[in-house]
Amino acid sequence: MEPRRLNDLISDVLKDVEKRKGIGEEEIFRFLKVCVGNIIKKEITPVRVDRKTIILSVSSPAWMNELSFLKGKIVKCVNKKAGKEIIKDIRFFLQRR
């Protein structure tokens, strides 16, 4: 084994730690907002991620219905942004007013 520079070794260790750590909820929500676009993101509020399911609060029954049709595309987009399968489903509930 050839000697390595300390900076290279530290960089490799940090990359390995990041891979193991996984993707956090905030990053998943950022991916989600990119995937749904400006119009829809005004109608939803991400609540949490639970067992590979994004829980969203939705502004109206009409938007809940519309999003249910887009669910597969959104899941696919979020996973593509993450570079791996991190989400399997999205669940919606109505925002309380």
N, C-alpha and C. Protein backbone atom coordinates (compact mmCIF):
# COMPACT_ATOMS: atom_id res chain seq x y z
N MET A 1 0.84 -1.18 0.00
CA MET A 1 0.00 0.00 0.00
C MET A 1 0.89 1.24 0.00
N GLU A 2 0.59 2.15 -0.90
CA GLU A 2 1.37 3.37 -1.00
C GLU A 2 0.94 4.38 0.05
N PRO A 3 1.86 5.19 0.52
CA PRO A 3 1.49 6.24 1.47
C PRO A 3 0.55 7.25 0.81
N ARG A 4 -0.35 7.80 1.61
CA ARG A 4 -1.31 8.78 1.09
C ARG A 4 -1.20 10.08 1.86
N ARG A 5 -1.57 11.14 1.21
CA ARG A 5 -1.57 12.44 1.89
C ARG A 5 -2.71 12.44 2.91
N LEU A 6 -2.47 13.10 4.02
CA LEU A 6 -3.45 13.16 5.10
C LEU A 6 -4.75 13.81 4.63
N ASN A 7 -4.67 14.86 3.82
CA ASN A 7 -5.88 15.52 3.31
C ASN A 7 -6.75 14.55 2.50
N ASP A 8 -6.12 13.71 1.68
CA ASP A 8 -6.86 12.74 0.88
C ASP A 8 -7.55 11.70 1.77
N LEU A 9 -6.83 11.26 2.78
CA LEU A 9 -7.37 10.27 3.71
C LEU A 9 -8.58 10.84 4.47
N ILE A 10 -8.46 12.05 4.97
CA ILE A 10 -9.56 12.69 5.70
C ILE A 10 -10.76 12.90 4.78
N SER A 11 -10.51 13.32 3.56
CA SER A 11 -11.59 13.52 2.58
C SER A 11 -12.34 12.22 2.32
N ASP A 12 -11.61 11.13 2.16
CA ASP A 12 -12.24 9.83 1.93
C ASP A 12 -13.08 9.39 3.12
N VAL A 13 -12.58 9.61 4.31
CA VAL A 13 -13.33 9.24 5.52
C VAL A 13 -14.61 10.06 5.63
N LEU A 14 -14.53 11.36 5.37
CA LEU A 14 -15.71 12.21 5.43
C LEU A 14 -16.76 11.81 4.39
N LYS A 15 -16.34 11.48 3.19
CA LYS A 15 -17.27 11.01 2.16
C LYS A 15 -17.97 9.73 2.60
N ASP A 16 -17.22 8.83 3.21
CA ASP A 16 -17.79 7.57 3.69
C ASP A 16 -18.82 7.81 4.79
N VAL A 17 -18.52 8.73 5.70
CA VAL A 17 -19.46 9.06 6.78
C VAL A 17 -20.74 9.64 6.19
N GLU A 18 -20.65 10.53 5.20
CA GLU A 18 -21.82 11.12 4.55
C GLU A 18 -22.68 10.06 3.89
N LYS A 19 -22.05 9.09 3.23
CA LYS A 19 -22.81 8.01 2.58
C LYS A 19 -23.59 7.21 3.61
N ARG A 20 -22.98 6.93 4.73
CA ARG A 20 -23.64 6.13 5.77
C ARG A 20 -24.75 6.89 6.46
N LYS A 21 -24.56 8.19 6.59
CA LYS A 21 -25.52 9.02 7.32
C LYS A 21 -26.87 9.06 6.62
N GLY A 22 -26.89 9.00 5.31
CA GLY A 22 -28.14 9.03 4.58
C GLY A 22 -28.61 10.45 4.33
N ILE A 23 -29.82 10.53 3.82
CA ILE A 23 -30.40 11.81 3.45
C ILE A 23 -31.42 12.20 4.49
N GLY A 24 -31.31 13.41 5.00
CA GLY A 24 -32.19 13.88 6.06
C GLY A 24 -33.53 14.40 5.55
N GLU A 25 -34.44 14.59 6.47
CA GLU A 25 -35.78 15.06 6.17
C GLU A 25 -35.78 16.41 5.44
N GLU A 26 -34.95 17.34 5.90
CA GLU A 26 -34.90 18.66 5.27
C GLU A 26 -34.49 18.55 3.80
N GLU A 27 -33.54 17.70 3.52
CA GLU A 27 -33.09 17.53 2.14
C GLU A 27 -34.19 16.88 1.29
N ILE A 28 -34.91 15.92 1.87
CA ILE A 28 -36.03 15.30 1.16
C ILE A 28 -37.07 16.36 0.83
N PHE A 29 -37.37 17.26 1.77
CA PHE A 29 -38.34 18.32 1.53
C PHE A 29 -37.86 19.29 0.44
N ARG A 30 -36.56 19.55 0.38
CA ARG A 30 -36.02 20.39 -0.70
C ARG A 30 -36.22 19.72 -2.06
N PHE A 31 -35.94 18.41 -2.12
CA PHE A 31 -36.16 17.66 -3.36
C PHE A 31 -37.63 17.73 -3.75
N LEU A 32 -38.50 17.56 -2.76
CA LEU A 32 -39.94 17.58 -3.00
C LEU A 32 -40.38 18.90 -3.63
N LYS A 33 -39.92 20.00 -3.06
CA LYS A 33 -40.32 21.31 -3.57
C LYS A 33 -39.82 21.55 -4.99
N VAL A 34 -38.65 21.04 -5.31
CA VAL A 34 -38.16 21.15 -6.69
C VAL A 34 -39.04 20.31 -7.62
N CYS A 35 -39.44 19.15 -7.15
CA CYS A 35 -40.22 18.23 -7.99
C CYS A 35 -41.65 18.70 -8.23
N VAL A 36 -42.27 19.37 -7.28
CA VAL A 36 -43.66 19.77 -7.47
C VAL A 36 -43.82 21.12 -8.15
N GLY A 37 -42.82 21.95 -8.15
CA GLY A 37 -42.90 23.23 -8.82
C GLY A 37 -43.52 24.32 -7.96
N ASN A 38 -43.43 25.54 -8.46
CA ASN A 38 -43.84 26.73 -7.70
C ASN A 38 -45.33 26.79 -7.39
N ILE A 39 -46.17 26.40 -8.33
CA ILE A 39 -47.62 26.49 -8.10
C ILE A 39 -48.05 25.53 -7.00
N ILE A 40 -47.64 24.29 -7.10
CA ILE A 40 -48.09 23.28 -6.14
C ILE A 40 -47.46 23.49 -4.77
N LYS A 41 -46.20 23.92 -4.73
CA LYS A 41 -45.55 24.04 -3.42
C LYS A 41 -46.22 25.06 -2.52
N LYS A 42 -47.01 25.97 -3.10
CA LYS A 42 -47.78 26.92 -2.30
C LYS A 42 -48.99 26.26 -1.64
N GLU A 43 -49.38 25.10 -2.15
CA GLU A 43 -50.59 24.42 -1.67
C GLU A 43 -50.30 23.29 -0.69
N ILE A 44 -49.02 22.99 -0.46
CA ILE A 44 -48.66 21.89 0.43
C ILE A 44 -47.72 22.36 1.54
N THR A 45 -47.76 21.64 2.64
CA THR A 45 -46.81 21.85 3.73
C THR A 45 -46.24 20.49 4.11
N PRO A 46 -44.94 20.27 3.88
CA PRO A 46 -44.35 19.00 4.33
C PRO A 46 -44.40 18.91 5.85
N VAL A 47 -44.83 17.77 6.36
CA VAL A 47 -44.96 17.58 7.80
C VAL A 47 -43.83 16.73 8.34
N ARG A 48 -43.66 15.55 7.76
CA ARG A 48 -42.58 14.66 8.22
C ARG A 48 -42.37 13.54 7.21
N VAL A 49 -41.29 12.80 7.42
CA VAL A 49 -41.03 11.59 6.66
C VAL A 49 -41.05 10.45 7.66
N ASP A 50 -41.85 9.44 7.35
CA ASP A 50 -42.01 8.30 8.27
C ASP A 50 -41.97 7.01 7.47
N ARG A 51 -40.94 6.22 7.67
CA ARG A 51 -40.78 4.93 7.01
C ARG A 51 -40.94 5.04 5.49
N LYS A 52 -40.12 5.87 4.90
CA LYS A 52 -40.08 6.08 3.46
C LYS A 52 -41.38 6.64 2.90
N THR A 53 -42.16 7.31 3.74
CA THR A 53 -43.40 7.95 3.31
C THR A 53 -43.34 9.43 3.69
N ILE A 54 -43.58 10.31 2.71
CA ILE A 54 -43.67 11.73 2.98
C ILE A 54 -45.10 12.04 3.39
N ILE A 55 -45.26 12.72 4.51
CA ILE A 55 -46.58 13.13 4.98
C ILE A 55 -46.72 14.62 4.64
N LEU A 56 -47.78 14.96 3.88
CA LEU A 56 -48.00 16.33 3.45
C LEU A 56 -49.37 16.84 3.91
N SER A 57 -49.39 18.07 4.36
CA SER A 57 -50.63 18.77 4.63
C SER A 57 -50.98 19.54 3.35
N VAL A 58 -52.24 19.41 2.90
CA VAL A 58 -52.67 19.99 1.63
C VAL A 58 -53.76 21.03 1.89
N SER A 59 -53.78 22.09 1.09
CA SER A 59 -54.67 23.23 1.34
C SER A 59 -56.15 22.97 1.05
N SER A 60 -56.47 22.04 0.15
CA SER A 60 -57.88 21.84 -0.20
C SER A 60 -58.11 20.42 -0.72
N PRO A 61 -59.37 19.97 -0.69
CA PRO A 61 -59.67 18.65 -1.25
C PRO A 61 -59.32 18.55 -2.74
N ALA A 62 -59.50 19.65 -3.47
CA ALA A 62 -59.17 19.64 -4.90
C ALA A 62 -57.69 19.38 -5.12
N TRP A 63 -56.84 20.05 -4.33
CA TRP A 63 -55.40 19.81 -4.45
C TRP A 63 -55.03 18.41 -3.99
N MET A 64 -55.71 17.90 -2.97
CA MET A 64 -55.44 16.55 -2.50
C MET A 64 -55.72 15.55 -3.64
N ASN A 65 -56.82 15.76 -4.33
CA ASN A 65 -57.18 14.89 -5.45
C ASN A 65 -56.15 15.00 -6.57
N GLU A 66 -55.78 16.20 -6.93
CA GLU A 66 -54.80 16.42 -7.99
C GLU A 66 -53.46 15.77 -7.64
N LEU A 67 -53.02 15.96 -6.41
CA LEU A 67 -51.73 15.41 -5.97
C LEU A 67 -51.76 13.88 -5.94
N SER A 68 -52.91 13.30 -5.65
CA SER A 68 -52.99 11.84 -5.63
C SER A 68 -52.70 11.27 -7.01
N PHE A 69 -53.10 12.00 -8.07
CA PHE A 69 -52.80 11.56 -9.44
C PHE A 69 -51.32 11.74 -9.78
N LEU A 70 -50.67 12.71 -9.15
CA LEU A 70 -49.25 13.01 -9.42
C LEU A 70 -48.29 12.27 -8.50
N LYS A 71 -48.83 11.56 -7.53
CA LYS A 71 -48.00 10.94 -6.49
C LYS A 71 -46.86 10.09 -7.06
N GLY A 72 -47.14 9.23 -8.01
CA GLY A 72 -46.10 8.36 -8.58
C GLY A 72 -44.97 9.15 -9.22
N LYS A 73 -45.33 10.19 -9.96
CA LYS A 73 -44.31 11.03 -10.60
C LYS A 73 -43.47 11.77 -9.56
N ILE A 74 -44.12 12.24 -8.50
CA ILE A 74 -43.39 12.98 -7.45
C ILE A 74 -42.41 12.05 -6.73
N VAL A 75 -42.88 10.85 -6.38
CA VAL A 75 -42.00 9.87 -5.70
C VAL A 75 -40.80 9.57 -6.59
N LYS A 76 -41.05 9.34 -7.86
CA LYS A 76 -39.97 9.03 -8.80
C LYS A 76 -38.97 10.18 -8.89
N CYS A 77 -39.47 11.40 -8.94
CA CYS A 77 -38.61 12.58 -9.04
C CYS A 77 -37.75 12.77 -7.79
N VAL A 78 -38.37 12.63 -6.61
CA VAL A 78 -37.62 12.78 -5.36
C VAL A 78 -36.50 11.74 -5.29
N ASN A 79 -36.82 10.51 -5.64
CA ASN A 79 -35.81 9.45 -5.61
C ASN A 79 -34.69 9.71 -6.62
N LYS A 80 -35.05 10.24 -7.78
CA LYS A 80 -34.04 10.57 -8.78
C LYS A 80 -33.11 11.67 -8.27
N LYS A 81 -33.68 12.70 -7.63
CA LYS A 81 -32.86 13.78 -7.07
C LYS A 81 -31.92 13.24 -5.99
N ALA A 82 -32.40 12.27 -5.21
CA ALA A 82 -31.59 11.69 -4.13
C ALA A 82 -30.54 10.72 -4.65
N GLY A 83 -30.75 10.19 -5.84
CA GLY A 83 -29.81 9.22 -6.39
C GLY A 83 -30.02 7.81 -5.89
N LYS A 84 -31.10 7.59 -5.16
CA LYS A 84 -31.45 6.26 -4.67
C LYS A 84 -32.89 6.29 -4.17
N GLU A 85 -33.45 5.11 -3.90
CA GLU A 85 -34.82 5.07 -3.41
C GLU A 85 -34.85 5.46 -1.93
N ILE A 86 -35.39 6.63 -1.66
CA ILE A 86 -35.53 7.07 -0.27
C ILE A 86 -36.99 7.20 0.11
N ILE A 87 -37.87 7.25 -0.90
CA ILE A 87 -39.30 7.42 -0.67
C ILE A 87 -40.05 6.35 -1.46
N LYS A 88 -41.07 5.76 -0.83
CA LYS A 88 -41.93 4.79 -1.51
C LYS A 88 -43.35 5.30 -1.69
N ASP A 89 -43.77 6.26 -0.84
CA ASP A 89 -45.16 6.70 -0.87
C ASP A 89 -45.27 8.14 -0.37
N ILE A 90 -46.41 8.74 -0.66
CA ILE A 90 -46.76 10.06 -0.12
C ILE A 90 -48.18 9.96 0.41
N ARG A 91 -48.40 10.48 1.61
CA ARG A 91 -49.75 10.52 2.19
C ARG A 91 -50.14 11.97 2.40
N PHE A 92 -51.42 12.25 2.18
CA PHE A 92 -51.93 13.61 2.26
C PHE A 92 -53.01 13.71 3.34
N PHE A 93 -53.09 14.88 3.96
CA PHE A 93 -54.24 15.20 4.82
C PHE A 93 -54.52 16.68 4.66
N LEU A 94 -55.76 17.07 4.95
CA LEU A 94 -56.16 18.46 4.79
C LEU A 94 -55.65 19.33 5.91
N GLN A 95 -55.20 20.53 5.55
CA GLN A 95 -54.77 21.50 6.55
C GLN A 95 -56.00 21.97 7.33
N ARG A 96 -55.82 22.16 8.59
CA ARG A 96 -56.90 22.73 9.40
C ARG A 96 -56.85 24.23 9.29
N ARG A 97 -58.00 24.83 9.21
CA ARG A 97 -58.05 26.29 9.09
C ARG A 97 -58.58 26.93 10.32
